[in-house]
Amino acid sequence: MISRILSASGYTVLEAHDGPSALAVADFHEGRIHLILTDIVMPGMNGRSLVEALVARRPGIKALYMSGCLDDVISHQGLVEDGISFISKPFRPSELASKVRSLLGAA
């Protein structure tokens, strides 16, 4: 659903079902990747670890985290800090498109 929302908003979307797959997709993609949209809590590799690995490979990439968990639970787990870009699930398609647009600016 997220891929359809972003594609309909004019963005090129690369999809992966988990962190290691996302790293592989990024490694094989020859173009620029402007933004990573990731769930915070995932099996095997959390969103923060994924973003750190992608930033190491592609400096300048922006990140948008999403989660259905309560913000304070996430903060206590040390997965994200204040000042990160976050969208809480469930969200409306217009909310996601607006958040991505604001993060990317003119990118």
PDB file of N, CA and C in Angstrom:
ATOM      1  N   MET A   1       0.817  -1.175   0.000  1.00  0.00           N
ATOM      2  CA  MET A   1       0.000   0.000   0.000  1.00  0.00           C
ATOM      3  C   MET A   1       0.877   1.262   0.000  1.00  0.00           C
ATOM      4  N   ILE A   2       1.920   1.278   0.822  1.00  0.00           N
ATOM      5  CA  ILE A   2       2.805   2.441   0.895  1.00  0.00           C
ATOM      6  C   ILE A   2       3.478   2.682  -0.446  1.00  0.00           C
ATOM      7  N   SER A   3       3.907   1.625  -1.093  1.00  0.00           N
ATOM      8  CA  SER A   3       4.532   1.759  -2.403  1.00  0.00           C
ATOM      9  C   SER A   3       3.566   2.385  -3.400  1.00  0.00           C
ATOM     10  N   ARG A   4       2.320   1.966  -3.386  1.00  0.00           N
ATOM     11  CA  ARG A   4       1.316   2.528  -4.298  1.00  0.00           C
ATOM     12  C   ARG A   4       1.074   4.008  -4.011  1.00  0.00           C
ATOM     13  N   ILE A   5       0.998   4.355  -2.728  1.00  0.00           N
ATOM     14  CA  ILE A   5       0.778   5.756  -2.338  1.00  0.00           C
ATOM     15  C   ILE A   5       1.910   6.629  -2.875  1.00  0.00           C
ATOM     16  N   LEU A   6       3.139   6.200  -2.634  1.00  0.00           N
ATOM     17  CA  LEU A   6       4.287   7.009  -3.042  1.00  0.00           C
ATOM     18  C   LEU A   6       4.460   7.027  -4.559  1.00  0.00           C
ATOM     19  N   SER A   7       4.222   5.913  -5.211  1.00  0.00           N
ATOM     20  CA  SER A   7       4.293   5.868  -6.676  1.00  0.00           C
ATOM     21  C   SER A   7       3.251   6.795  -7.291  1.00  0.00           C
ATOM     22  N   ALA A   8       2.046   6.779  -6.739  1.00  0.00           N
ATOM     23  CA  ALA A   8       0.977   7.649  -7.235  1.00  0.00           C
ATOM     24  C   ALA A   8       1.300   9.123  -6.997  1.00  0.00           C
ATOM     25  N   SER A   9       2.175   9.389  -6.036  1.00  0.00           N
ATOM     26  CA  SER A   9       2.589  10.761  -5.747  1.00  0.00           C
ATOM     27  C   SER A   9       3.785  11.186  -6.607  1.00  0.00           C
ATOM     28  N   GLY A  10       4.240  10.292  -7.497  1.00  0.00           N
ATOM     29  CA  GLY A  10       5.300  10.629  -8.428  1.00  0.00           C
ATOM     30  C   GLY A  10       6.691  10.183  -8.031  1.00  0.00           C
ATOM     31  N   TYR A  11       6.810   9.424  -6.959  1.00  0.00           N
ATOM     32  CA  TYR A  11       8.119   8.971  -6.498  1.00  0.00           C
ATOM     33  C   TYR A  11       8.464   7.611  -7.086  1.00  0.00           C
ATOM     34  N   THR A  12       9.747   7.387  -7.334  1.00  0.00           N
ATOM     35  CA  THR A  12      10.239   6.066  -7.708  1.00  0.00           C
ATOM     36  C   THR A  12      10.489   5.316  -6.412  1.00  0.00           C
ATOM     37  N   VAL A  13       9.944   4.118  -6.315  1.00  0.00           N
ATOM     38  CA  VAL A  13      10.003   3.364  -5.065  1.00  0.00           C
ATOM     39  C   VAL A  13      10.792   2.075  -5.276  1.00  0.00           C
ATOM     40  N   LEU A  14      11.754   1.835  -4.404  1.00  0.00           N
ATOM     41  CA  LEU A  14      12.469   0.564  -4.350  1.00  0.00           C
ATOM     42  C   LEU A  14      11.928  -0.165  -3.130  1.00  0.00           C
ATOM     43  N   GLU A  15      11.497  -1.396  -3.291  1.00  0.00           N
ATOM     44  CA  GLU A  15      10.883  -2.130  -2.189  1.00  0.00           C
ATOM     45  C   GLU A  15      11.779  -3.241  -1.672  1.00  0.00           C
ATOM     46  N   ALA A  16      11.661  -3.496  -0.378  1.00  0.00           N
ATOM     47  CA  ALA A  16      12.344  -4.628   0.257  1.00  0.00           C
ATOM     48  C   ALA A  16      11.484  -5.090   1.420  1.00  0.00           C
ATOM     49  N   HIS A  17      11.535  -6.369   1.731  1.00  0.00           N
ATOM     50  CA  HIS A  17      10.680  -6.910   2.787  1.00  0.00           C
ATOM     51  C   HIS A  17      11.348  -6.922   4.160  1.00  0.00           C
ATOM     52  N   ASP A  18      12.652  -6.667   4.218  1.00  0.00           N
ATOM     53  CA  ASP A  18      13.332  -6.604   5.512  1.00  0.00           C
ATOM     54  C   ASP A  18      14.637  -5.817   5.359  1.00  0.00           C
ATOM     55  N   GLY A  19      15.336  -5.610   6.457  1.00  0.00           N
ATOM     56  CA  GLY A  19      16.560  -4.822   6.441  1.00  0.00           C
ATOM     57  C   GLY A  19      17.639  -5.353   5.520  1.00  0.00           C
ATOM     58  N   PRO A  20      18.011  -6.626   5.647  1.00  0.00           N
ATOM     59  CA  PRO A  20      19.049  -7.157   4.759  1.00  0.00           C
ATOM     60  C   PRO A  20      18.677  -7.049   3.277  1.00  0.00           C
ATOM     61  N   SER A  21      17.410  -7.259   2.961  1.00  0.00           N
ATOM     62  CA  SER A  21      16.967  -7.114   1.570  1.00  0.00           C
ATOM     63  C   SER A  21      17.074  -5.669   1.120  1.00  0.00           C
ATOM     64  N   ALA A  22      16.772  -4.728   1.998  1.00  0.00           N
ATOM     65  CA  ALA A  22      16.875  -3.303   1.670  1.00  0.00           C
ATOM     66  C   ALA A  22      18.325  -2.929   1.367  1.00  0.00           C
ATOM     67  N   LEU A  23      19.240  -3.465   2.135  1.00  0.00           N
ATOM     68  CA  LEU A  23      20.662  -3.199   1.882  1.00  0.00           C
ATOM     69  C   LEU A  23      21.081  -3.749   0.521  1.00  0.00           C
ATOM     70  N   ALA A  24      20.601  -4.938   0.196  1.00  0.00           N
ATOM     71  CA  ALA A  24      20.927  -5.540  -1.100  1.00  0.00           C
ATOM     72  C   ALA A  24      20.339  -4.721  -2.245  1.00  0.00           C
ATOM     73  N   VAL A  25      19.094  -4.282  -2.097  1.00  0.00           N
ATOM     74  CA  VAL A  25      18.458  -3.460  -3.129  1.00  0.00           C
ATOM     75  C   VAL A  25      19.263  -2.172  -3.327  1.00  0.00           C
ATOM     76  N   ALA A  26      19.657  -1.546  -2.234  1.00  0.00           N
ATOM     77  CA  ALA A  26      20.434  -0.304  -2.308  1.00  0.00           C
ATOM     78  C   ALA A  26      21.785  -0.542  -2.965  1.00  0.00           C
ATOM     79  N   ASP A  27      22.414  -1.651  -2.652  1.00  0.00           N
ATOM     80  CA  ASP A  27      23.722  -1.961  -3.231  1.00  0.00           C
ATOM     81  C   ASP A  27      23.651  -2.145  -4.750  1.00  0.00           C
ATOM     82  N   PHE A  28      22.546  -2.689  -5.251  1.00  0.00           N
ATOM     83  CA  PHE A  28      22.414  -2.943  -6.681  1.00  0.00           C
ATOM     84  C   PHE A  28      21.785  -1.786  -7.446  1.00  0.00           C
ATOM     85  N   HIS A  29      21.213  -0.830  -6.737  1.00  0.00           N
ATOM     86  CA  HIS A  29      20.587   0.320  -7.404  1.00  0.00           C
ATOM     87  C   HIS A  29      21.664   1.322  -7.802  1.00  0.00           C
ATOM     88  N   GLU A  30      21.717   1.655  -9.083  1.00  0.00           N
ATOM     89  CA  GLU A  30      22.770   2.539  -9.572  1.00  0.00           C
ATOM     90  C   GLU A  30      22.458   4.012  -9.378  1.00  0.00           C
ATOM     91  N   GLY A  31      21.187   4.359  -9.236  1.00  0.00           N
ATOM     92  CA  GLY A  31      20.815   5.759  -9.082  1.00  0.00           C
ATOM     93  C   GLY A  31      20.897   6.228  -7.643  1.00  0.00           C
ATOM     94  N   ARG A  32      20.576   7.496  -7.471  1.00  0.00           N
ATOM     95  CA  ARG A  32      20.576   8.085  -6.134  1.00  0.00           C
ATOM     96  C   ARG A  32      19.347   7.626  -5.359  1.00  0.00           C
ATOM     97  N   ILE A  33      19.519   7.423  -4.081  1.00  0.00           N
ATOM     98  CA  ILE A  33      18.404   7.132  -3.187  1.00  0.00           C
ATOM     99  C   ILE A  33      18.296   8.330  -2.255  1.00  0.00           C
ATOM    100  N   HIS A  34      17.163   8.993  -2.301  1.00  0.00           N
ATOM    101  CA  HIS A  34      16.976  10.218  -1.540  1.00  0.00           C
ATOM    102  C   HIS A  34      16.477   9.964  -0.121  1.00  0.00           C
ATOM    103  N   LEU A  35      15.667   8.906   0.048  1.00  0.00           N
ATOM    104  CA  LEU A  35      14.980   8.696   1.320  1.00  0.00           C
ATOM    105  C   LEU A  35      14.795   7.217   1.590  1.00  0.00           C
ATOM    106  N   ILE A  36      14.972   6.836   2.834  1.00  0.00           N
ATOM    107  CA  ILE A  36      14.613   5.498   3.296  1.00  0.00           C
ATOM    108  C   ILE A  36      13.411   5.643   4.211  1.00  0.00           C
ATOM    109  N   LEU A  37      12.373   4.897   3.925  1.00  0.00           N
ATOM    110  CA  LEU A  37      11.190   4.820   4.779  1.00  0.00           C
ATOM    111  C   LEU A  37      11.200   3.431   5.382  1.00  0.00           C
ATOM    112  N   THR A  38      11.320   3.373   6.693  1.00  0.00           N
ATOM    113  CA  THR A  38      11.441   2.078   7.343  1.00  0.00           C
ATOM    114  C   THR A  38      10.631   2.011   8.626  1.00  0.00           C
ATOM    115  N   ASP A  39      10.150   0.835   8.912  1.00  0.00           N
ATOM    116  CA  ASP A  39       9.523   0.601  10.202  1.00  0.00           C
ATOM    117  C   ASP A  39      10.640   0.595  11.233  1.00  0.00           C
ATOM    118  N   ILE A  40      10.335   1.011  12.434  1.00  0.00           N
ATOM    119  CA  ILE A  40      11.349   1.015  13.481  1.00  0.00           C
ATOM    120  C   ILE A  40      11.614  -0.399  13.984  1.00  0.00           C
ATOM    121  N   VAL A  41      10.543  -1.135  14.214  1.00  0.00           N
ATOM    122  CA  VAL A  41      10.674  -2.480  14.761  1.00  0.00           C
ATOM    123  C   VAL A  41      10.474  -3.486  13.634  1.00  0.00           C
ATOM    124  N   MET A  42      11.531  -4.259  13.362  1.00  0.00           N
ATOM    125  CA  MET A  42      11.481  -5.298  12.345  1.00  0.00           C
ATOM    126  C   MET A  42      12.246  -6.505  12.870  1.00  0.00           C
ATOM    127  N   PRO A  43      11.919  -7.686  12.399  1.00  0.00           N
ATOM    128  CA  PRO A  43      12.691  -8.861  12.820  1.00  0.00           C
ATOM    129  C   PRO A  43      14.095  -8.825  12.216  1.00  0.00           C
ATOM    130  N   GLY A  44      15.066  -9.210  13.003  1.00  0.00           N
ATOM    131  CA  GLY A  44      16.430  -9.344  12.504  1.00  0.00           C
ATOM    132  C   GLY A  44      17.253  -8.077  12.509  1.00  0.00           C
ATOM    133  N   MET A  45      16.702  -6.987  12.025  1.00  0.00           N
ATOM    134  CA  MET A  45      17.433  -5.720  11.945  1.00  0.00           C
ATOM    135  C   MET A  45      16.424  -4.599  12.152  1.00  0.00           C
ATOM    136  N   ASN A  46      16.623  -3.798  13.193  1.00  0.00           N
ATOM    137  CA  ASN A  46      15.657  -2.712  13.412  1.00  0.00           C
ATOM    138  C   ASN A  46      15.918  -1.572  12.437  1.00  0.00           C
ATOM    139  N   GLY A  47      14.961  -0.662  12.364  1.00  0.00           N
ATOM    140  CA  GLY A  47      15.049   0.442  11.423  1.00  0.00           C
ATOM    141  C   GLY A  47      16.256   1.323  11.632  1.00  0.00           C
ATOM    142  N   ARG A  48      16.618   1.550  12.873  1.00  0.00           N
ATOM    143  CA  ARG A  48      17.783   2.399  13.153  1.00  0.00           C
ATOM    144  C   ARG A  48      19.060   1.773  12.587  1.00  0.00           C
ATOM    145  N   SER A  49      19.231   0.485  12.787  1.00  0.00           N
ATOM    146  CA  SER A  49      20.410  -0.206  12.249  1.00  0.00           C
ATOM    147  C   SER A  49      20.423  -0.159  10.726  1.00  0.00           C
ATOM    148  N   LEU A  50      19.253  -0.308  10.124  1.00  0.00           N
ATOM    149  CA  LEU A  50      19.156  -0.234   8.666  1.00  0.00           C
ATOM    150  C   LEU A  50      19.569   1.148   8.171  1.00  0.00           C
ATOM    151  N   VAL A  51      19.041   2.176   8.799  1.00  0.00           N
ATOM    152  CA  VAL A  51      19.375   3.546   8.375  1.00  0.00           C
ATOM    153  C   VAL A  51      20.862   3.813   8.549  1.00  0.00           C
ATOM    154  N   GLU A  52      21.437   3.398   9.667  1.00  0.00           N
ATOM    155  CA  GLU A  52      22.874   3.607   9.892  1.00  0.00           C
ATOM    156  C   GLU A  52      23.700   2.919   8.805  1.00  0.00           C
ATOM    157  N   ALA A  53      23.308   1.700   8.429  1.00  0.00           N
ATOM    158  CA  ALA A  53      24.038   0.969   7.392  1.00  0.00           C
ATOM    159  C   ALA A  53      23.882   1.649   6.029  1.00  0.00           C
ATOM    160  N   LEU A  54      22.691   2.146   5.732  1.00  0.00           N
ATOM    161  CA  LEU A  54      22.478   2.818   4.451  1.00  0.00           C
ATOM    162  C   LEU A  54      23.208   4.154   4.386  1.00  0.00           C
ATOM    163  N   VAL A  55      23.210   4.907   5.474  1.00  0.00           N
ATOM    164  CA  VAL A  55      23.923   6.183   5.504  1.00  0.00           C
ATOM    165  C   VAL A  55      25.421   5.954   5.303  1.00  0.00           C
ATOM    166  N   ALA A  56      25.949   4.867   5.863  1.00  0.00           N
ATOM    167  CA  ALA A  56      27.371   4.546   5.667  1.00  0.00           C
ATOM    168  C   ALA A  56      27.668   4.260   4.192  1.00  0.00           C
ATOM    169  N   ARG A  57      26.717   3.636   3.500  1.00  0.00           N
ATOM    170  CA  ARG A  57      26.894   3.307   2.081  1.00  0.00           C
ATOM    171  C   ARG A  57      26.579   4.498   1.173  1.00  0.00           C
ATOM    172  N   ARG A  58      25.609   5.301   1.597  1.00  0.00           N
ATOM    173  CA  ARG A  58      25.113   6.406   0.776  1.00  0.00           C
ATOM    174  C   ARG A  58      24.930   7.647   1.642  1.00  0.00           C
ATOM    175  N   PRO A  59      26.005   8.344   1.916  1.00  0.00           N
ATOM    176  CA  PRO A  59      25.903   9.547   2.756  1.00  0.00           C
ATOM    177  C   PRO A  59      24.895  10.536   2.170  1.00  0.00           C
ATOM    178  N   GLY A  60      24.163  11.179   3.046  1.00  0.00           N
ATOM    179  CA  GLY A  60      23.188  12.178   2.620  1.00  0.00           C
ATOM    180  C   GLY A  60      21.774  11.653   2.472  1.00  0.00           C
ATOM    181  N   ILE A  61      21.604  10.343   2.575  1.00  0.00           N
ATOM    182  CA  ILE A  61      20.262   9.784   2.479  1.00  0.00           C
ATOM    183  C   ILE A  61      19.449  10.246   3.690  1.00  0.00           C
ATOM    184  N   LYS A  62      18.190  10.587   3.464  1.00  0.00           N
ATOM    185  CA  LYS A  62      17.294  10.995   4.545  1.00  0.00           C
ATOM    186  C   LYS A  62      16.493   9.789   5.003  1.00  0.00           C
ATOM    187  N   ALA A  63      15.996   9.859   6.230  1.00  0.00           N
ATOM    188  CA  ALA A  63      15.254   8.727   6.785  1.00  0.00           C
ATOM    189  C   ALA A  63      13.923   9.183   7.363  1.00  0.00           C
ATOM    190  N   LEU A  64      12.916   8.371   7.130  1.00  0.00           N
ATOM    191  CA  LEU A  64      11.608   8.542   7.743  1.00  0.00           C
ATOM    192  C   LEU A  64      11.254   7.212   8.391  1.00  0.00           C
ATOM    193  N   TYR A  65      11.082   7.261   9.700  1.00  0.00           N
ATOM    194  CA  TYR A  65      10.716   6.067  10.452  1.00  0.00           C
ATOM    195  C   TYR A  65       9.205   6.032  10.619  1.00  0.00           C
ATOM    196  N   MET A  66       8.657   4.826  10.664  1.00  0.00           N
ATOM    197  CA  MET A  66       7.241   4.666  10.955  1.00  0.00           C
ATOM    198  C   MET A  66       7.077   3.541  11.961  1.00  0.00           C
ATOM    199  N   SER A  67       5.992   3.630  12.723  1.00  0.00           N
ATOM    200  CA  SER A  67       5.703   2.584  13.684  1.00  0.00           C
ATOM    201  C   SER A  67       4.286   2.725  14.192  1.00  0.00           C
ATOM    202  N   GLY A  68       3.739   1.618  14.615  1.00  0.00           N
ATOM    203  CA  GLY A  68       2.450   1.611  15.285  1.00  0.00           C
ATOM    204  C   GLY A  68       2.624   1.590  16.790  1.00  0.00           C
ATOM    205  N   CYS A  69       3.885   1.550  17.257  1.00  0.00           N
ATOM    206  CA  CYS A  69       4.189   1.535  18.685  1.00  0.00           C
ATOM    207  C   CYS A  69       4.073   2.939  19.259  1.00  0.00           C
ATOM    208  N   LEU A  70       3.849   3.015  20.535  1.00  0.00           N
ATOM    209  CA  LEU A  70       3.802   4.310  21.202  1.00  0.00           C
ATOM    210  C   LEU A  70       5.178   4.960  21.191  1.00  0.00           C
ATOM    211  N   ASP A  71       5.202   6.267  21.017  1.00  0.00           N
ATOM    212  CA  ASP A  71       6.463   7.009  20.938  1.00  0.00           C
ATOM    213  C   ASP A  71       7.354   6.785  22.150  1.00  0.00           C
ATOM    214  N   ASP A  72       6.768   6.774  23.358  1.00  0.00           N
ATOM    215  CA  ASP A  72       7.611   6.642  24.550  1.00  0.00           C
ATOM    216  C   ASP A  72       8.213   5.247  24.659  1.00  0.00           C
ATOM    217  N   VAL A  73       7.523   4.232  24.190  1.00  0.00           N
ATOM    218  CA  VAL A  73       8.080   2.875  24.194  1.00  0.00           C
ATOM    219  C   VAL A  73       9.284   2.821  23.264  1.00  0.00           C
ATOM    220  N   ILE A  74       9.155   3.429  22.094  1.00  0.00           N
ATOM    221  CA  ILE A  74      10.245   3.454  21.125  1.00  0.00           C
ATOM    222  C   ILE A  74      11.445   4.185  21.700  1.00  0.00           C
ATOM    223  N   SER A  75      11.209   5.340  22.321  1.00  0.00           N
ATOM    224  CA  SER A  75      12.301   6.123  22.897  1.00  0.00           C
ATOM    225  C   SER A  75      13.022   5.347  23.991  1.00  0.00           C
ATOM    226  N   HIS A  76      12.273   4.658  24.830  1.00  0.00           N
ATOM    227  CA  HIS A  76      12.893   3.894  25.917  1.00  0.00           C
ATOM    228  C   HIS A  76      13.726   2.728  25.384  1.00  0.00           C
ATOM    229  N   GLN A  77      13.378   2.210  24.233  1.00  0.00           N
ATOM    230  CA  GLN A  77      14.155   1.116  23.654  1.00  0.00           C
ATOM    231  C   GLN A  77      15.430   1.633  23.000  1.00  0.00           C
ATOM    232  N   GLY A  78      15.583   2.945  22.910  1.00  0.00           N
ATOM    233  CA  GLY A  78      16.793   3.515  22.315  1.00  0.00           C
ATOM    234  C   GLY A  78      16.877   3.388  20.811  1.00  0.00           C
ATOM    235  N   LEU A  79      15.747   3.166  20.164  1.00  0.00           N
ATOM    236  CA  LEU A  79      15.782   2.976  18.719  1.00  0.00           C
ATOM    237  C   LEU A  79      15.838   4.291  17.961  1.00  0.00           C
ATOM    238  N   VAL A  80      15.273   5.348  18.523  1.00  0.00           N
ATOM    239  CA  VAL A  80      15.309   6.652  17.865  1.00  0.00           C
ATOM    240  C   VAL A  80      15.489   7.735  18.915  1.00  0.00           C
ATOM    241  N   GLU A  81      15.950   8.881  18.489  1.00  0.00           N
ATOM    242  CA  GLU A  81      16.153  10.004  19.397  1.00  0.00           C
ATOM    243  C   GLU A  81      15.221  11.140  18.987  1.00  0.00           C
ATOM    244  N   ASP A  82      15.172  12.175  19.827  1.00  0.00           N
ATOM    245  CA  ASP A  82      14.430  13.378  19.473  1.00  0.00           C
ATOM    246  C   ASP A  82      15.002  13.946  18.188  1.00  0.00           C
ATOM    247  N   GLY A  83      14.144  14.556  17.395  1.00  0.00           N
ATOM    248  CA  GLY A  83      14.598  15.200  16.172  1.00  0.00           C
ATOM    249  C   GLY A  83      14.574  14.312  14.944  1.00  0.00           C
ATOM    250  N   ILE A  84      14.219  13.049  15.078  1.00  0.00           N
ATOM    251  CA  ILE A  84      14.140  12.184  13.903  1.00  0.00           C
ATOM    252  C   ILE A  84      12.804  12.420  13.204  1.00  0.00           C
ATOM    253  N   SER A  85      12.710  12.036  11.971  1.00  0.00           N
ATOM    254  CA  SER A  85      11.464  12.143  11.223  1.00  0.00           C
ATOM    255  C   SER A  85      10.678  10.861  11.438  1.00  0.00           C
ATOM    256  N   PHE A  86       9.436  11.025  11.859  1.00  0.00           N
ATOM    257  CA  PHE A  86       8.629   9.882  12.278  1.00  0.00           C
ATOM    258  C   PHE A  86       7.186  10.089  11.840  1.00  0.00           C
ATOM    259  N   ILE A  87       6.545   9.011  11.425  1.00  0.00           N
ATOM    260  CA  ILE A  87       5.116   9.022  11.147  1.00  0.00           C
ATOM    261  C   ILE A  87       4.497   7.820  11.856  1.00  0.00           C
ATOM    262  N   SER A  88       3.426   8.085  12.555  1.00  0.00           N
ATOM    263  CA  SER A  88       2.773   7.052  13.354  1.00  0.00           C
ATOM    264  C   SER A  88       1.716   6.324  12.532  1.00  0.00           C
ATOM    265  N   LYS A  89       1.746   4.999  12.589  1.00  0.00           N
ATOM    266  CA  LYS A  89       0.729   4.183  11.927  1.00  0.00           C
ATOM    267  C   LYS A  89      -0.467   4.033  12.858  1.00  0.00           C
ATOM    268  N   PRO A  90      -1.644   3.989  12.337  1.00  0.00           N
ATOM    269  CA  PRO A  90      -1.995   4.133  10.928  1.00  0.00           C
ATOM    270  C   PRO A  90      -1.954   5.601  10.509  1.00  0.00           C
ATOM    271  N   PHE A  91      -1.697   5.830   9.235  1.00  0.00           N
ATOM    272  CA  PHE A  91      -1.690   7.186   8.693  1.00  0.00           C
ATOM    273  C   PHE A  91      -2.484   7.197   7.393  1.00  0.00           C
ATOM    274  N   ARG A  92      -2.968   8.373   7.035  1.00  0.00           N
ATOM    275  CA  ARG A  92      -3.694   8.536   5.779  1.00  0.00           C
ATOM    276  C   ARG A  92      -2.679   8.697   4.645  1.00  0.00           C
ATOM    277  N   PRO A  93      -3.043   8.289   3.448  1.00  0.00           N
ATOM    278  CA  PRO A  93      -2.137   8.463   2.306  1.00  0.00           C
ATOM    279  C   PRO A  93      -1.664   9.909   2.161  1.00  0.00           C
ATOM    280  N   SER A  94      -2.540  10.861   2.375  1.00  0.00           N
ATOM    281  CA  SER A  94      -2.154  12.269   2.247  1.00  0.00           C
ATOM    282  C   SER A  94      -1.132  12.670   3.301  1.00  0.00           C
ATOM    283  N   GLU A  95      -1.214  12.081   4.484  1.00  0.00           N
ATOM    284  CA  GLU A  95      -0.232  12.371   5.544  1.00  0.00           C
ATOM    285  C   GLU A  95       1.151  11.861   5.146  1.00  0.00           C
ATOM    286  N   LEU A  96       1.198  10.647   4.607  1.00  0.00           N
ATOM    287  CA  LEU A  96       2.478  10.084   4.180  1.00  0.00           C
ATOM    288  C   LEU A  96       3.080  10.909   3.046  1.00  0.00           C
ATOM    289  N   ALA A  97       2.277  11.214   2.043  1.00  0.00           N
ATOM    290  CA  ALA A  97       2.783  11.991   0.909  1.00  0.00           C
ATOM    291  C   ALA A  97       3.287  13.360   1.370  1.00  0.00           C
ATOM    292  N   SER A  98       2.577  13.984   2.285  1.00  0.00           N
ATOM    293  CA  SER A  98       2.983  15.293   2.798  1.00  0.00           C
ATOM    294  C   SER A  98       4.290  15.203   3.576  1.00  0.00           C
ATOM    295  N   LYS A  99       4.419  14.191   4.401  1.00  0.00           N
ATOM    296  CA  LYS A  99       5.638  14.010   5.202  1.00  0.00           C
ATOM    297  C   LYS A  99       6.850  13.782   4.293  1.00  0.00           C
ATOM    298  N   VAL A 100       6.697  12.932   3.307  1.00  0.00           N
ATOM    299  CA  VAL A 100       7.797  12.654   2.368  1.00  0.00           C
ATOM    300  C   VAL A 100       8.156  13.921   1.596  1.00  0.00           C
ATOM    301  N   ARG A 101       7.158  14.623   1.118  1.00  0.00           N
ATOM    302  CA  ARG A 101       7.390  15.862   0.370  1.00  0.00           C
ATOM    303  C   ARG A 101       8.160  16.868   1.220  1.00  0.00           C
ATOM    304  N   SER A 102       7.773  16.997   2.496  1.00  0.00           N
ATOM    305  CA  SER A 102       8.460  17.972   3.367  1.00  0.00           C
ATOM    306  C   SER A 102       9.905  17.557   3.643  1.00  0.00           C
ATOM    307  N   LEU A 103      10.171  16.272   3.738  1.00  0.00           N
ATOM    308  CA  LEU A 103      11.534  15.796   3.977  1.00  0.00           C
ATOM    309  C   LEU A 103      12.431  15.973   2.757  1.00  0.00           C
ATOM    310  N   LEU A 104      11.874  15.737   1.603  1.00  0.00           N
ATOM    311  CA  LEU A 104      12.677  15.792   0.391  1.00  0.00           C
ATOM    312  C   LEU A 104      12.852  17.197  -0.139  1.00  0.00           C
ATOM    313  N   GLY A 105      11.932  18.063   0.159  1.00  0.00           N
ATOM    314  CA  GLY A 105      12.049  19.426  -0.365  1.00  0.00           C
ATOM    315  C   GLY A 105      12.186  19.406  -1.864  1.00  0.00           C
ATOM    316  N   ALA A 106      13.246  19.923  -2.368  1.00  0.00           N
ATOM    317  CA  ALA A 106      13.468  19.979  -3.818  1.00  0.00           C
ATOM    318  C   ALA A 106      14.342  18.853  -4.310  1.00  0.00           C
ATOM    319  N   ALA A 107      14.555  17.821  -3.485  1.00  0.00           N
ATOM    320  CA  ALA A 107      15.461  16.721  -3.865  1.00  0.00           C
ATOM    321  C   ALA A 107      14.963  15.968  -5.081  1.00  0.00           C
TER     322      ALA A 107
END
